[in-house]
PDB file of N, CA and C in Angstrom:
ATOM      1  N   MET A   1       0.839  -1.175   0.000  1.00  0.00           N
ATOM      2  CA  MET A   1       0.000   0.000   0.000  1.00  0.00           C
ATOM      3  C   MET A   1       0.887   1.243   0.000  1.00  0.00           C
ATOM      4  N   THR A   2       0.535   2.215  -0.814  1.00  0.00           N
ATOM      5  CA  THR A   2       1.323   3.436  -0.887  1.00  0.00           C
ATOM      6  C   THR A   2       0.876   4.429   0.182  1.00  0.00           C
ATOM      7  N   ARG A   3       1.663   5.466   0.359  1.00  0.00           N
ATOM      8  CA  ARG A   3       1.309   6.544   1.291  1.00  0.00           C
ATOM      9  C   ARG A   3      -0.049   7.137   0.917  1.00  0.00           C
ATOM     10  N   ASP A   4      -0.273   7.374  -0.388  1.00  0.00           N
ATOM     11  CA  ASP A   4      -1.556   7.926  -0.827  1.00  0.00           C
ATOM     12  C   ASP A   4      -2.707   6.972  -0.521  1.00  0.00           C
ATOM     13  N   ASP A   5      -2.497   5.671  -0.712  1.00  0.00           N
ATOM     14  CA  ASP A   5      -3.539   4.686  -0.397  1.00  0.00           C
ATOM     15  C   ASP A   5      -3.915   4.753   1.084  1.00  0.00           C
ATOM     16  N   VAL A   6      -2.908   4.810   1.935  1.00  0.00           N
ATOM     17  CA  VAL A   6      -3.146   4.860   3.375  1.00  0.00           C
ATOM     18  C   VAL A   6      -3.882   6.140   3.750  1.00  0.00           C
ATOM     19  N   CYS A   7      -3.441   7.276   3.214  1.00  0.00           N
ATOM     20  CA  CYS A   7      -4.094   8.555   3.517  1.00  0.00           C
ATOM     21  C   CYS A   7      -5.526   8.576   2.982  1.00  0.00           C
ATOM     22  N   ASN A   8      -5.745   8.041   1.783  1.00  0.00           N
ATOM     23  CA  ASN A   8      -7.096   7.993   1.217  1.00  0.00           C
ATOM     24  C   ASN A   8      -8.015   7.129   2.072  1.00  0.00           C
ATOM     25  N   ARG A   9      -7.523   5.984   2.513  1.00  0.00           N
ATOM     26  CA  ARG A   9      -8.340   5.110   3.364  1.00  0.00           C
ATOM     27  C   ARG A   9      -8.632   5.779   4.699  1.00  0.00           C
ATOM     28  N   PHE A  10      -7.633   6.461   5.273  1.00  0.00           N
ATOM     29  CA  PHE A  10      -7.851   7.174   6.530  1.00  0.00           C
ATOM     30  C   PHE A  10      -8.948   8.218   6.348  1.00  0.00           C
ATOM     31  N   GLU A  11      -8.867   9.000   5.246  1.00  0.00           N
ATOM     32  CA  GLU A  11      -9.868  10.040   4.994  1.00  0.00           C
ATOM     33  C   GLU A  11     -11.259   9.456   4.782  1.00  0.00           C
ATOM     34  N   ALA A  12     -11.337   8.292   4.166  1.00  0.00           N
ATOM     35  CA  ALA A  12     -12.638   7.693   3.865  1.00  0.00           C
ATOM     36  C   ALA A  12     -13.216   6.890   5.031  1.00  0.00           C
ATOM     37  N   GLU A  13     -12.361   6.225   5.798  1.00  0.00           N
ATOM     38  CA  GLU A  13     -12.846   5.261   6.774  1.00  0.00           C
ATOM     39  C   GLU A  13     -12.717   5.685   8.232  1.00  0.00           C
ATOM     40  N   VAL A  14     -11.758   6.522   8.541  1.00  0.00           N
ATOM     41  CA  VAL A  14     -11.527   6.888   9.942  1.00  0.00           C
ATOM     42  C   VAL A  14     -11.928   8.336  10.213  1.00  0.00           C
ATOM     43  N   LEU A  15     -11.452   9.243   9.392  1.00  0.00           N
ATOM     44  CA  LEU A  15     -11.665  10.671   9.631  1.00  0.00           C
ATOM     45  C   LEU A  15     -13.128  11.066   9.798  1.00  0.00           C
ATOM     46  N   PRO A  16     -14.064  10.506   9.010  1.00  0.00           N
ATOM     47  CA  PRO A  16     -15.460  10.916   9.183  1.00  0.00           C
ATOM     48  C   PRO A  16     -16.013  10.656  10.583  1.00  0.00           C
ATOM     49  N   HIS A  17     -15.389   9.744  11.321  1.00  0.00           N
ATOM     50  CA  HIS A  17     -15.875   9.366  12.645  1.00  0.00           C
ATOM     51  C   HIS A  17     -15.138  10.091  13.770  1.00  0.00           C
ATOM     52  N   LEU A  18     -14.162  10.913  13.429  1.00  0.00           N
ATOM     53  CA  LEU A  18     -13.385  11.616  14.451  1.00  0.00           C
ATOM     54  C   LEU A  18     -13.975  12.992  14.735  1.00  0.00           C
ATOM     55  N   ASP A  19     -14.075  13.314  16.009  1.00  0.00           N
ATOM     56  CA  ASP A  19     -14.442  14.672  16.412  1.00  0.00           C
ATOM     57  C   ASP A  19     -13.137  15.443  16.588  1.00  0.00           C
ATOM     58  N   VAL A  20     -12.861  16.316  15.646  1.00  0.00           N
ATOM     59  CA  VAL A  20     -11.601  17.064  15.664  1.00  0.00           C
ATOM     60  C   VAL A  20     -11.821  18.533  16.020  1.00  0.00           C
ATOM     61  N   SER A  21     -13.003  18.845  16.523  1.00  0.00           N
ATOM     62  CA  SER A  21     -13.338  20.242  16.807  1.00  0.00           C
ATOM     63  C   SER A  21     -12.375  20.888  17.807  1.00  0.00           C
ATOM     64  N   ALA A  22     -11.823  20.116  18.731  1.00  0.00           N
ATOM     65  CA  ALA A  22     -10.889  20.670  19.720  1.00  0.00           C
ATOM     66  C   ALA A  22      -9.574  21.115  19.077  1.00  0.00           C
ATOM     67  N   LEU A  23      -9.327  20.681  17.847  1.00  0.00           N
ATOM     68  CA  LEU A  23      -8.082  21.029  17.157  1.00  0.00           C
ATOM     69  C   LEU A  23      -8.211  22.280  16.285  1.00  0.00           C
ATOM     70  N   ARG A  24      -9.415  22.845  16.190  1.00  0.00           N
ATOM     71  CA  ARG A  24      -9.636  24.026  15.354  1.00  0.00           C
ATOM     72  C   ARG A  24      -8.661  25.141  15.753  1.00  0.00           C
ATOM     73  N   GLY A  25      -7.946  25.657  14.771  1.00  0.00           N
ATOM     74  CA  GLY A  25      -7.004  26.746  15.001  1.00  0.00           C
ATOM     75  C   GLY A  25      -5.645  26.302  15.520  1.00  0.00           C
ATOM     76  N   LYS A  26      -5.447  25.020  15.695  1.00  0.00           N
ATOM     77  CA  LYS A  26      -4.178  24.488  16.208  1.00  0.00           C
ATOM     78  C   LYS A  26      -3.293  24.025  15.057  1.00  0.00           C
ATOM     79  N   ASP A  27      -2.047  23.729  15.374  1.00  0.00           N
ATOM     80  CA  ASP A  27      -1.108  23.141  14.436  1.00  0.00           C
ATOM     81  C   ASP A  27      -0.802  21.719  14.891  1.00  0.00           C
ATOM     82  N   LEU A  28      -0.627  20.822  13.930  1.00  0.00           N
ATOM     83  CA  LEU A  28      -0.189  19.464  14.234  1.00  0.00           C
ATOM     84  C   LEU A  28       1.141  19.232  13.543  1.00  0.00           C
ATOM     85  N   LEU A  29       2.036  18.557  14.223  1.00  0.00           N
ATOM     86  CA  LEU A  29       3.328  18.205  13.646  1.00  0.00           C
ATOM     87  C   LEU A  29       3.448  16.693  13.598  1.00  0.00           C
ATOM     88  N   CYS A  30       4.057  16.202  12.529  1.00  0.00           N
ATOM     89  CA  CYS A  30       4.246  14.766  12.391  1.00  0.00           C
ATOM     90  C   CYS A  30       5.576  14.520  11.695  1.00  0.00           C
ATOM     91  N   HIS A  31       6.168  13.387  11.934  1.00  0.00           N
ATOM     92  CA  HIS A  31       7.454  13.053  11.313  1.00  0.00           C
ATOM     93  C   HIS A  31       7.299  12.823   9.808  1.00  0.00           C
ATOM     94  N   CYS A  32       6.071  12.689   9.308  1.00  0.00           N
ATOM     95  CA  CYS A  32       5.827  12.487   7.871  1.00  0.00           C
ATOM     96  C   CYS A  32       6.174  13.733   7.037  1.00  0.00           C
ATOM     97  N   ALA A  33       6.029  14.900   7.631  1.00  0.00           N
ATOM     98  CA  ALA A  33       6.237  16.147   6.891  1.00  0.00           C
ATOM     99  C   ALA A  33       7.616  16.155   6.236  1.00  0.00           C
ATOM    100  N   PRO A  34       7.721  16.644   5.038  1.00  0.00           N
ATOM    101  CA  PRO A  34       6.734  17.371   4.232  1.00  0.00           C
ATOM    102  C   PRO A  34       5.898  16.470   3.329  1.00  0.00           C
ATOM    103  N   LYS A  35       6.009  15.148   3.473  1.00  0.00           N
ATOM    104  CA  LYS A  35       5.212  14.237   2.649  1.00  0.00           C
ATOM    105  C   LYS A  35       3.753  14.256   3.109  1.00  0.00           C
ATOM    106  N   ARG A  36       2.863  13.725   2.271  1.00  0.00           N
ATOM    107  CA  ARG A  36       1.449  13.667   2.615  1.00  0.00           C
ATOM    108  C   ARG A  36       1.267  12.876   3.904  1.00  0.00           C
ATOM    109  N   CYS A  37       0.342  13.343   4.751  1.00  0.00           N
ATOM    110  CA  CYS A  37       0.178  12.764   6.074  1.00  0.00           C
ATOM    111  C   CYS A  37      -1.275  12.839   6.507  1.00  0.00           C
ATOM    112  N   HIS A  38      -1.684  11.926   7.362  1.00  0.00           N
ATOM    113  CA  HIS A  38      -3.052  11.960   7.881  1.00  0.00           C
ATOM    114  C   HIS A  38      -3.304  13.215   8.713  1.00  0.00           C
ATOM    115  N   CYS A  39      -2.259  13.792   9.283  1.00  0.00           N
ATOM    116  CA  CYS A  39      -2.417  15.029  10.062  1.00  0.00           C
ATOM    117  C   CYS A  39      -2.947  16.160   9.191  1.00  0.00           C
ATOM    118  N   ASP A  40      -2.555  16.190   7.915  1.00  0.00           N
ATOM    119  CA  ASP A  40      -3.057  17.226   7.002  1.00  0.00           C
ATOM    120  C   ASP A  40      -4.574  17.141   6.894  1.00  0.00           C
ATOM    121  N   SER A  41      -5.095  15.930   6.806  1.00  0.00           N
ATOM    122  CA  SER A  41      -6.542  15.730   6.696  1.00  0.00           C
ATOM    123  C   SER A  41      -7.251  16.117   7.987  1.00  0.00           C
ATOM    124  N   ILE A  42      -6.640  15.780   9.111  1.00  0.00           N
ATOM    125  CA  ILE A  42      -7.242  16.098  10.409  1.00  0.00           C
ATOM    126  C   ILE A  42      -7.369  17.608  10.581  1.00  0.00           C
ATOM    127  N   ILE A  43      -6.294  18.332  10.312  1.00  0.00           N
ATOM    128  CA  ILE A  43      -6.325  19.790  10.461  1.00  0.00           C
ATOM    129  C   ILE A  43      -7.269  20.425   9.449  1.00  0.00           C
ATOM    130  N   ALA A  44      -7.292  19.902   8.225  1.00  0.00           N
ATOM    131  CA  ALA A  44      -8.210  20.442   7.219  1.00  0.00           C
ATOM    132  C   ALA A  44      -9.650  20.286   7.684  1.00  0.00           C
ATOM    133  N   LYS A  45      -9.984  19.125   8.245  1.00  0.00           N
ATOM    134  CA  LYS A  45     -11.348  18.918   8.741  1.00  0.00           C
ATOM    135  C   LYS A  45     -11.636  19.848   9.920  1.00  0.00           C
ATOM    136  N   ALA A  46     -10.691  19.990  10.812  1.00  0.00           N
ATOM    137  CA  ALA A  46     -10.908  20.831  11.992  1.00  0.00           C
ATOM    138  C   ALA A  46     -11.117  22.295  11.618  1.00  0.00           C
ATOM    139  N   ASN A  47     -10.462  22.743  10.579  1.00  0.00           N
ATOM    140  CA  ASN A  47     -10.508  24.163  10.236  1.00  0.00           C
ATOM    141  C   ASN A  47     -11.459  24.529   9.105  1.00  0.00           C
ATOM    142  N   ARG A  48     -12.079  23.547   8.464  1.00  0.00           N
ATOM    143  CA  ARG A  48     -12.978  23.891   7.359  1.00  0.00           C
ATOM    144  C   ARG A  48     -14.353  24.277   7.881  1.00  0.00           C
ATOM    145  N   ASN A  49     -14.989  25.092   7.118  1.00  0.00           N
ATOM    146  CA  ASN A  49     -16.345  25.526   7.427  1.00  0.00           C
ATOM    147  C   ASN A  49     -17.292  24.478   6.859  1.00  0.00           C
ATOM    148  N   GLU A  50     -17.861  23.644   7.710  1.00  0.00           N
ATOM    149  CA  GLU A  50     -18.707  22.543   7.263  1.00  0.00           C
ATOM    150  C   GLU A  50     -19.913  23.020   6.458  1.00  0.00           C
ATOM    151  N   VAL A  51     -20.389  24.211   6.714  1.00  0.00           N
ATOM    152  CA  VAL A  51     -21.565  24.718   6.023  1.00  0.00           C
ATOM    153  C   VAL A  51     -21.221  25.197   4.621  1.00  0.00           C
ATOM    154  N   ALA A  52     -20.006  25.636   4.417  1.00  0.00           N
ATOM    155  CA  ALA A  52     -19.638  26.268   3.153  1.00  0.00           C
ATOM    156  C   ALA A  52     -19.321  25.286   2.035  1.00  0.00           C
ATOM    157  N   ALA A  53     -19.053  24.035   2.345  1.00  0.00           N
ATOM    158  CA  ALA A  53     -18.611  23.115   1.300  1.00  0.00           C
ATOM    159  C   ALA A  53     -19.240  21.738   1.465  1.00  0.00           C
ATOM    160  N   MET A  54     -19.245  21.018   0.345  1.00  0.00           N
ATOM    161  CA  MET A  54     -19.717  19.635   0.341  1.00  0.00           C
ATOM    162  C   MET A  54     -18.620  18.772  -0.270  1.00  0.00           C
ATOM    163  N   ILE A  55     -18.610  17.501   0.081  1.00  0.00           N
ATOM    164  CA  ILE A  55     -17.589  16.589  -0.402  1.00  0.00           C
ATOM    165  C   ILE A  55     -18.167  15.716  -1.520  1.00  0.00           C
ATOM    166  N   GLU A  56     -17.474  15.699  -2.643  1.00  0.00           N
ATOM    167  CA  GLU A  56     -17.815  14.786  -3.728  1.00  0.00           C
ATOM    168  C   GLU A  56     -16.729  13.724  -3.768  1.00  0.00           C
ATOM    169  N   MET A  57     -17.146  12.452  -3.824  1.00  0.00           N
ATOM    170  CA  MET A  57     -16.192  11.363  -3.734  1.00  0.00           C
ATOM    171  C   MET A  57     -16.496  10.304  -4.801  1.00  0.00           C
ATOM    172  N   LEU A  58     -15.461   9.863  -5.473  1.00  0.00           N
ATOM    173  CA  LEU A  58     -15.565   8.743  -6.408  1.00  0.00           C
ATOM    174  C   LEU A  58     -14.911   7.547  -5.733  1.00  0.00           C
ATOM    175  N   ALA A  59     -15.645   6.432  -5.679  1.00  0.00           N
ATOM    176  CA  ALA A  59     -15.118   5.224  -5.050  1.00  0.00           C
ATOM    177  C   ALA A  59     -15.331   4.039  -5.977  1.00  0.00           C
ATOM    178  N   VAL A  60     -14.513   3.016  -5.798  1.00  0.00           N
ATOM    179  CA  VAL A  60     -14.660   1.782  -6.578  1.00  0.00           C
ATOM    180  C   VAL A  60     -14.872   0.623  -5.603  1.00  0.00           C
ATOM    181  N   ILE A  61     -15.802  -0.233  -5.978  1.00  0.00           N
ATOM    182  CA  ILE A  61     -16.092  -1.442  -5.205  1.00  0.00           C
ATOM    183  C   ILE A  61     -15.493  -2.618  -5.970  1.00  0.00           C
ATOM    184  N   ASP A  62     -14.637  -3.371  -5.297  1.00  0.00           N
ATOM    185  CA  ASP A  62     -14.014  -4.558  -5.898  1.00  0.00           C
ATOM    186  C   ASP A  62     -14.613  -5.791  -5.253  1.00  0.00           C
ATOM    187  N   ALA A  63     -15.286  -6.597  -6.084  1.00  0.00           N
ATOM    188  CA  ALA A  63     -15.880  -7.862  -5.652  1.00  0.00           C
ATOM    189  C   ALA A  63     -15.259  -8.970  -6.499  1.00  0.00           C
ATOM    190  N   PRO A  64     -15.439 -10.216  -6.112  1.00  0.00           N
ATOM    191  CA  PRO A  64     -14.813 -11.301  -6.874  1.00  0.00           C
ATOM    192  C   PRO A  64     -15.198 -11.338  -8.351  1.00  0.00           C
ATOM    193  N   HIS A  65     -16.419 -10.931  -8.681  1.00  0.00           N
ATOM    194  CA  HIS A  65     -16.881 -11.060 -10.058  1.00  0.00           C
ATOM    195  C   HIS A  65     -17.160  -9.738 -10.760  1.00  0.00           C
ATOM    196  N   PHE A  66     -16.883  -8.621 -10.108  1.00  0.00           N
ATOM    197  CA  PHE A  66     -17.096  -7.329 -10.757  1.00  0.00           C
ATOM    198  C   PHE A  66     -16.328  -6.220 -10.045  1.00  0.00           C
ATOM    199  N   HIS A  67     -16.188  -5.110 -10.736  1.00  0.00           N
ATOM    200  CA  HIS A  67     -15.674  -3.848 -10.201  1.00  0.00           C
ATOM    201  C   HIS A  67     -16.720  -2.807 -10.558  1.00  0.00           C
ATOM    202  N   ALA A  68     -17.106  -1.976  -9.617  1.00  0.00           N
ATOM    203  CA  ALA A  68     -18.161  -0.997  -9.865  1.00  0.00           C
ATOM    204  C   ALA A  68     -17.805   0.338  -9.242  1.00  0.00           C
ATOM    205  N   GLY A  69     -18.169   1.399  -9.927  1.00  0.00           N
ATOM    206  CA  GLY A  69     -17.935   2.737  -9.414  1.00  0.00           C
ATOM    207  C   GLY A  69     -19.190   3.325  -8.793  1.00  0.00           C
ATOM    208  N   ILE A  70     -18.977   4.153  -7.762  1.00  0.00           N
ATOM    209  CA  ILE A  70     -20.068   4.914  -7.160  1.00  0.00           C
ATOM    210  C   ILE A  70     -19.579   6.338  -6.926  1.00  0.00           C
ATOM    211  N   VAL A  71     -20.505   7.276  -6.944  1.00  0.00           N
ATOM    212  CA  VAL A  71     -20.206   8.675  -6.627  1.00  0.00           C
ATOM    213  C   VAL A  71     -21.044   9.052  -5.420  1.00  0.00           C
ATOM    214  N   LEU A  72     -20.380   9.622  -4.421  1.00  0.00           N
ATOM    215  CA  LEU A  72     -21.078  10.100  -3.227  1.00  0.00           C
ATOM    216  C   LEU A  72     -20.988  11.619  -3.190  1.00  0.00           C
ATOM    217  N   TRP A  73     -22.087  12.236  -2.844  1.00  0.00           N
ATOM    218  CA  TRP A  73     -22.145  13.697  -2.685  1.00  0.00           C
ATOM    219  C   TRP A  73     -22.525  13.938  -1.241  1.00  0.00           C
ATOM    220  N   ASN A  74     -21.592  14.496  -0.493  1.00  0.00           N
ATOM    221  CA  ASN A  74     -21.786  14.744   0.933  1.00  0.00           C
ATOM    222  C   ASN A  74     -22.282  13.481   1.662  1.00  0.00           C
ATOM    223  N   ASP A  75     -21.588  12.377   1.404  1.00  0.00           N
ATOM    224  CA  ASP A  75     -21.804  11.084   2.057  1.00  0.00           C
ATOM    225  C   ASP A  75     -23.079  10.349   1.645  1.00  0.00           C
ATOM    226  N   THR A  76     -23.668  10.689   0.499  1.00  0.00           N
ATOM    227  CA  THR A  76     -24.833   9.971  -0.021  1.00  0.00           C
ATOM    228  C   THR A  76     -24.544   9.528  -1.455  1.00  0.00           C
ATOM    229  N   VAL A  77     -24.841   8.271  -1.771  1.00  0.00           N
ATOM    230  CA  VAL A  77     -24.620   7.759  -3.124  1.00  0.00           C
ATOM    231  C   VAL A  77     -25.589   8.459  -4.075  1.00  0.00           C
ATOM    232  N   ILE A  78     -25.019   9.132  -5.112  1.00  0.00           N
ATOM    233  CA  ILE A  78     -25.863   9.819  -6.097  1.00  0.00           C
ATOM    234  C   ILE A  78     -25.736   9.199  -7.484  1.00  0.00           C
ATOM    235  N   GLU A  79     -24.698   8.416  -7.722  1.00  0.00           N
ATOM    236  CA  GLU A  79     -24.509   7.682  -8.974  1.00  0.00           C
ATOM    237  C   GLU A  79     -23.893   6.338  -8.630  1.00  0.00           C
ATOM    238  N   ALA A  80     -24.271   5.316  -9.414  1.00  0.00           N
ATOM    239  CA  ALA A  80     -23.726   3.980  -9.158  1.00  0.00           C
ATOM    240  C   ALA A  80     -23.782   3.153 -10.430  1.00  0.00           C
ATOM    241  N   ALA A  81     -22.812   2.286 -10.599  1.00  0.00           N
ATOM    242  CA  ALA A  81     -22.838   1.335 -11.708  1.00  0.00           C
ATOM    243  C   ALA A  81     -24.108   0.493 -11.571  1.00  0.00           C
ATOM    244  N   PRO A  82     -24.669   0.035 -12.697  1.00  0.00           N
ATOM    245  CA  PRO A  82     -25.931  -0.719 -12.646  1.00  0.00           C
ATOM    246  C   PRO A  82     -25.927  -1.903 -11.681  1.00  0.00           C
ATOM    247  N   ILE A  83     -24.798  -2.594 -11.560  1.00  0.00           N
ATOM    248  CA  ILE A  83     -24.760  -3.777 -10.701  1.00  0.00           C
ATOM    249  C   ILE A  83     -24.957  -3.440  -9.222  1.00  0.00           C
ATOM    250  N   VAL A  84     -24.678  -2.207  -8.836  1.00  0.00           N
ATOM    251  CA  VAL A  84     -24.922  -1.748  -7.456  1.00  0.00           C
ATOM    252  C   VAL A  84     -25.893  -0.558  -7.449  1.00  0.00           C
ATOM    253  N   GLY A  85     -26.752  -0.513  -8.437  1.00  0.00           N
ATOM    254  CA  GLY A  85     -27.712   0.580  -8.564  1.00  0.00           C
ATOM    255  C   GLY A  85     -28.627   0.732  -7.365  1.00  0.00           C
ATOM    256  N   TYR A  86     -28.825  -0.347  -6.609  1.00  0.00           N
ATOM    257  CA  TYR A  86     -29.656  -0.291  -5.406  1.00  0.00           C
ATOM    258  C   TYR A  86     -29.090   0.685  -4.379  1.00  0.00           C
ATOM    259  N   MET A  87     -27.781   0.923  -4.422  1.00  0.00           N
ATOM    260  CA  MET A  87     -27.183   1.878  -3.494  1.00  0.00           C
ATOM    261  C   MET A  87     -27.629   3.296  -3.826  1.00  0.00           C
ATOM    262  N   LYS A  88     -27.711   3.600  -5.123  1.00  0.00           N
ATOM    263  CA  LYS A  88     -28.204   4.912  -5.556  1.00  0.00           C
ATOM    264  C   LYS A  88     -29.695   5.039  -5.265  1.00  0.00           C
ATOM    265  N   LYS A  89     -30.441   4.013  -5.645  1.00  0.00           N
ATOM    266  CA  LYS A  89     -31.894   4.046  -5.471  1.00  0.00           C
ATOM    267  C   LYS A  89     -32.267   4.236  -3.996  1.00  0.00           C
ATOM    268  N   GLY A  90     -31.544   3.579  -3.115  1.00  0.00           N
ATOM    269  CA  GLY A  90     -31.807   3.682  -1.684  1.00  0.00           C
ATOM    270  C   GLY A  90     -31.125   4.855  -1.013  1.00  0.00           C
ATOM    271  N   LYS A  91     -30.394   5.658  -1.794  1.00  0.00           N
ATOM    272  CA  LYS A  91     -29.656   6.825  -1.259  1.00  0.00           C
ATOM    273  C   LYS A  91     -28.800   6.419  -0.059  1.00  0.00           C
ATOM    274  N   TRP A  92     -28.007   5.368  -0.277  1.00  0.00           N
ATOM    275  CA  TRP A  92     -27.175   4.847   0.798  1.00  0.00           C
ATOM    276  C   TRP A  92     -26.156   5.867   1.261  1.00  0.00           C
ATOM    277  N   SER A  93     -25.821   5.828   2.532  1.00  0.00           N
ATOM    278  CA  SER A  93     -24.753   6.653   3.095  1.00  0.00           C
ATOM    279  C   SER A  93     -23.415   5.946   2.895  1.00  0.00           C
ATOM    280  N   ARG A  94     -22.347   6.675   3.097  1.00  0.00           N
ATOM    281  CA  ARG A  94     -21.013   6.081   3.003  1.00  0.00           C
ATOM    282  C   ARG A  94     -20.862   4.940   4.011  1.00  0.00           C
ATOM    283  N   ASP A  95     -21.401   5.112   5.213  1.00  0.00           N
ATOM    284  CA  ASP A  95     -21.314   4.062   6.227  1.00  0.00           C
ATOM    285  C   ASP A  95     -22.075   2.811   5.803  1.00  0.00           C
ATOM    286  N   GLN A  96     -23.248   2.988   5.177  1.00  0.00           N
ATOM    287  CA  GLN A  96     -24.007   1.831   4.698  1.00  0.00           C
ATOM    288  C   GLN A  96     -23.216   1.072   3.633  1.00  0.00           C
ATOM    289  N   VAL A  97     -22.607   1.808   2.707  1.00  0.00           N
ATOM    290  CA  VAL A  97     -21.805   1.182   1.655  1.00  0.00           C
ATOM    291  C   VAL A  97     -20.647   0.411   2.278  1.00  0.00           C
ATOM    292  N   ARG A  98     -19.929   1.058   3.176  1.00  0.00           N
ATOM    293  CA  ARG A  98     -18.760   0.429   3.801  1.00  0.00           C
ATOM    294  C   ARG A  98     -19.157  -0.825   4.578  1.00  0.00           C
ATOM    295  N   ASP A  99     -20.232  -0.745   5.373  1.00  0.00           N
ATOM    296  CA  ASP A  99     -20.664  -1.896   6.175  1.00  0.00           C
ATOM    297  C   ASP A  99     -21.138  -3.054   5.292  1.00  0.00           C
ATOM    298  N   TYR A 100     -21.898  -2.733   4.254  1.00  0.00           N
ATOM    299  CA  TYR A 100     -22.401  -3.757   3.340  1.00  0.00           C
ATOM    300  C   TYR A 100     -21.240  -4.458   2.629  1.00  0.00           C
ATOM    301  N   CYS A 101     -20.300  -3.656   2.121  1.00  0.00           N
ATOM    302  CA  CYS A 101     -19.152  -4.234   1.422  1.00  0.00           C
ATOM    303  C   CYS A 101     -18.316  -5.102   2.363  1.00  0.00           C
ATOM    304  N   LYS A 102     -18.181  -4.675   3.585  1.00  0.00           N
ATOM    305  CA  LYS A 102     -17.428  -5.460   4.566  1.00  0.00           C
ATOM    306  C   LYS A 102     -18.095  -6.815   4.812  1.00  0.00           C
ATOM    307  N   ARG A 103     -19.433  -6.808   4.960  1.00  0.00           N
ATOM    308  CA  ARG A 103     -20.167  -8.066   5.164  1.00  0.00           C
ATOM    309  C   ARG A 103     -20.031  -9.003   3.975  1.00  0.00           C
ATOM    310  N   LYS A 104     -19.947  -8.445   2.768  1.00  0.00           N
ATOM    311  CA  LYS A 104     -19.840  -9.240   1.545  1.00  0.00           C
ATOM    312  C   LYS A 104     -18.389  -9.634   1.244  1.00  0.00           C
ATOM    313  N   ALA A 105     -17.447  -9.126   2.046  1.00  0.00           N
ATOM    314  CA  ALA A 105     -16.009  -9.328   1.827  1.00  0.00           C
ATOM    315  C   ALA A 105     -15.553  -8.667   0.528  1.00  0.00           C
ATOM    316  N   TRP A 106     -16.192  -7.549   0.188  1.00  0.00           N
ATOM    317  CA  TRP A 106     -15.786  -6.723  -0.942  1.00  0.00           C
ATOM    318  C   TRP A 106     -14.935  -5.590  -0.392  1.00  0.00           C
ATOM    319  N   THR A 107     -14.107  -5.017  -1.242  1.00  0.00           N
ATOM    320  CA  THR A 107     -13.351  -3.840  -0.815  1.00  0.00           C
ATOM    321  C   THR A 107     -13.931  -2.607  -1.496  1.00  0.00           C
ATOM    322  N   VAL A 108     -13.890  -1.516  -0.778  1.00  0.00           N
ATOM    323  CA  VAL A 108     -14.314  -0.232  -1.339  1.00  0.00           C
ATOM    324  C   VAL A 108     -13.175   0.744  -1.101  1.00  0.00           C
ATOM    325  N   SER A 109     -12.777   1.445  -2.161  1.00  0.00           N
ATOM    326  CA  SER A 109     -11.637   2.358  -2.080  1.00  0.00           C
ATOM    327  C   SER A 109     -12.013   3.700  -2.687  1.00  0.00           C
ATOM    328  N   VAL A 110     -11.588   4.749  -2.036  1.00  0.00           N
ATOM    329  CA  VAL A 110     -11.789   6.093  -2.576  1.00  0.00           C
ATOM    330  C   VAL A 110     -10.753   6.320  -3.663  1.00  0.00           C
ATOM    331  N   VAL A 111     -11.227   6.694  -4.838  1.00  0.00           N
ATOM    332  CA  VAL A 111     -10.357   6.953  -5.976  1.00  0.00           C
ATOM    333  C   VAL A 111     -10.020   8.438  -6.053  1.00  0.00           C
ATOM    334  N   HIS A 112     -11.030   9.266  -5.775  1.00  0.00           N
ATOM    335  CA  HIS A 112     -10.839  10.720  -5.859  1.00  0.00           C
ATOM    336  C   HIS A 112     -11.834  11.397  -4.927  1.00  0.00           C
ATOM    337  N   GLN A 113     -11.396  12.459  -4.301  1.00  0.00           N
ATOM    338  CA  GLN A 113     -12.268  13.224  -3.410  1.00  0.00           C
ATOM    339  C   GLN A 113     -11.995  14.699  -3.608  1.00  0.00           C
ATOM    340  N   ILE A 114     -13.047  15.495  -3.667  1.00  0.00           N
ATOM    341  CA  ILE A 114     -12.887  16.931  -3.849  1.00  0.00           C
ATOM    342  C   ILE A 114     -13.918  17.664  -3.001  1.00  0.00           C
ATOM    343  N   GLU A 115     -13.507  18.786  -2.441  1.00  0.00           N
ATOM    344  CA  GLU A 115     -14.409  19.622  -1.692  1.00  0.00           C
ATOM    345  C   GLU A 115     -14.938  20.701  -2.627  1.00  0.00           C
ATOM    346  N   ARG A 116     -16.253  20.807  -2.703  1.00  0.00           N
ATOM    347  CA  ARG A 116     -16.875  21.786  -3.611  1.00  0.00           C
ATOM    348  C   ARG A 116     -17.680  22.786  -2.794  1.00  0.00           C
ATOM    349  N   GLU A 117     -17.664  24.034  -3.277  1.00  0.00           N
ATOM    350  CA  GLU A 117     -18.456  25.073  -2.641  1.00  0.00           C
ATOM    351  C   GLU A 117     -19.935  24.773  -2.827  1.00  0.00           C
ATOM    352  N   ARG A 118     -20.740  25.073  -1.828  1.00  0.00           N
ATOM    353  CA  ARG A 118     -22.191  24.913  -1.963  1.00  0.00           C
ATOM    354  C   ARG A 118     -22.747  26.029  -2.835  1.00  0.00           C
ATOM    355  N   GLY A 119     -23.855  25.657  -3.483  1.00  0.00           N
ATOM    356  CA  GLY A 119     -24.667  26.657  -4.121  1.00  0.00           C
ATOM    357  C   GLY A 119     -24.304  27.076  -5.451  1.00  0.00           C
TER     358      GLY A 119
END
């Protein structure tokens, strides 16, 4: 696994569940610097204005017999390959996707994530 893979997984699987509000306005130091680090994501989350932006995420689901893409907009599936179209139809959350894939022994990986301004 590469540094980017680890950071992407941290951002997709761990960071959403962390309360980082106590870190707002603080600095974090890590031995990873100046390379990409999970601390960068933590501070970005702590200091971003949650109301001003939404997260768009492209993820891929790897199963034994297929690979499928999904797009999440602010943690809700808004587009999905036909084979997992039920995720779009049911407006699944990121947690629902992750839990379902885990039960099926499928992997889900974030391919790209971008923060977009609302409105």
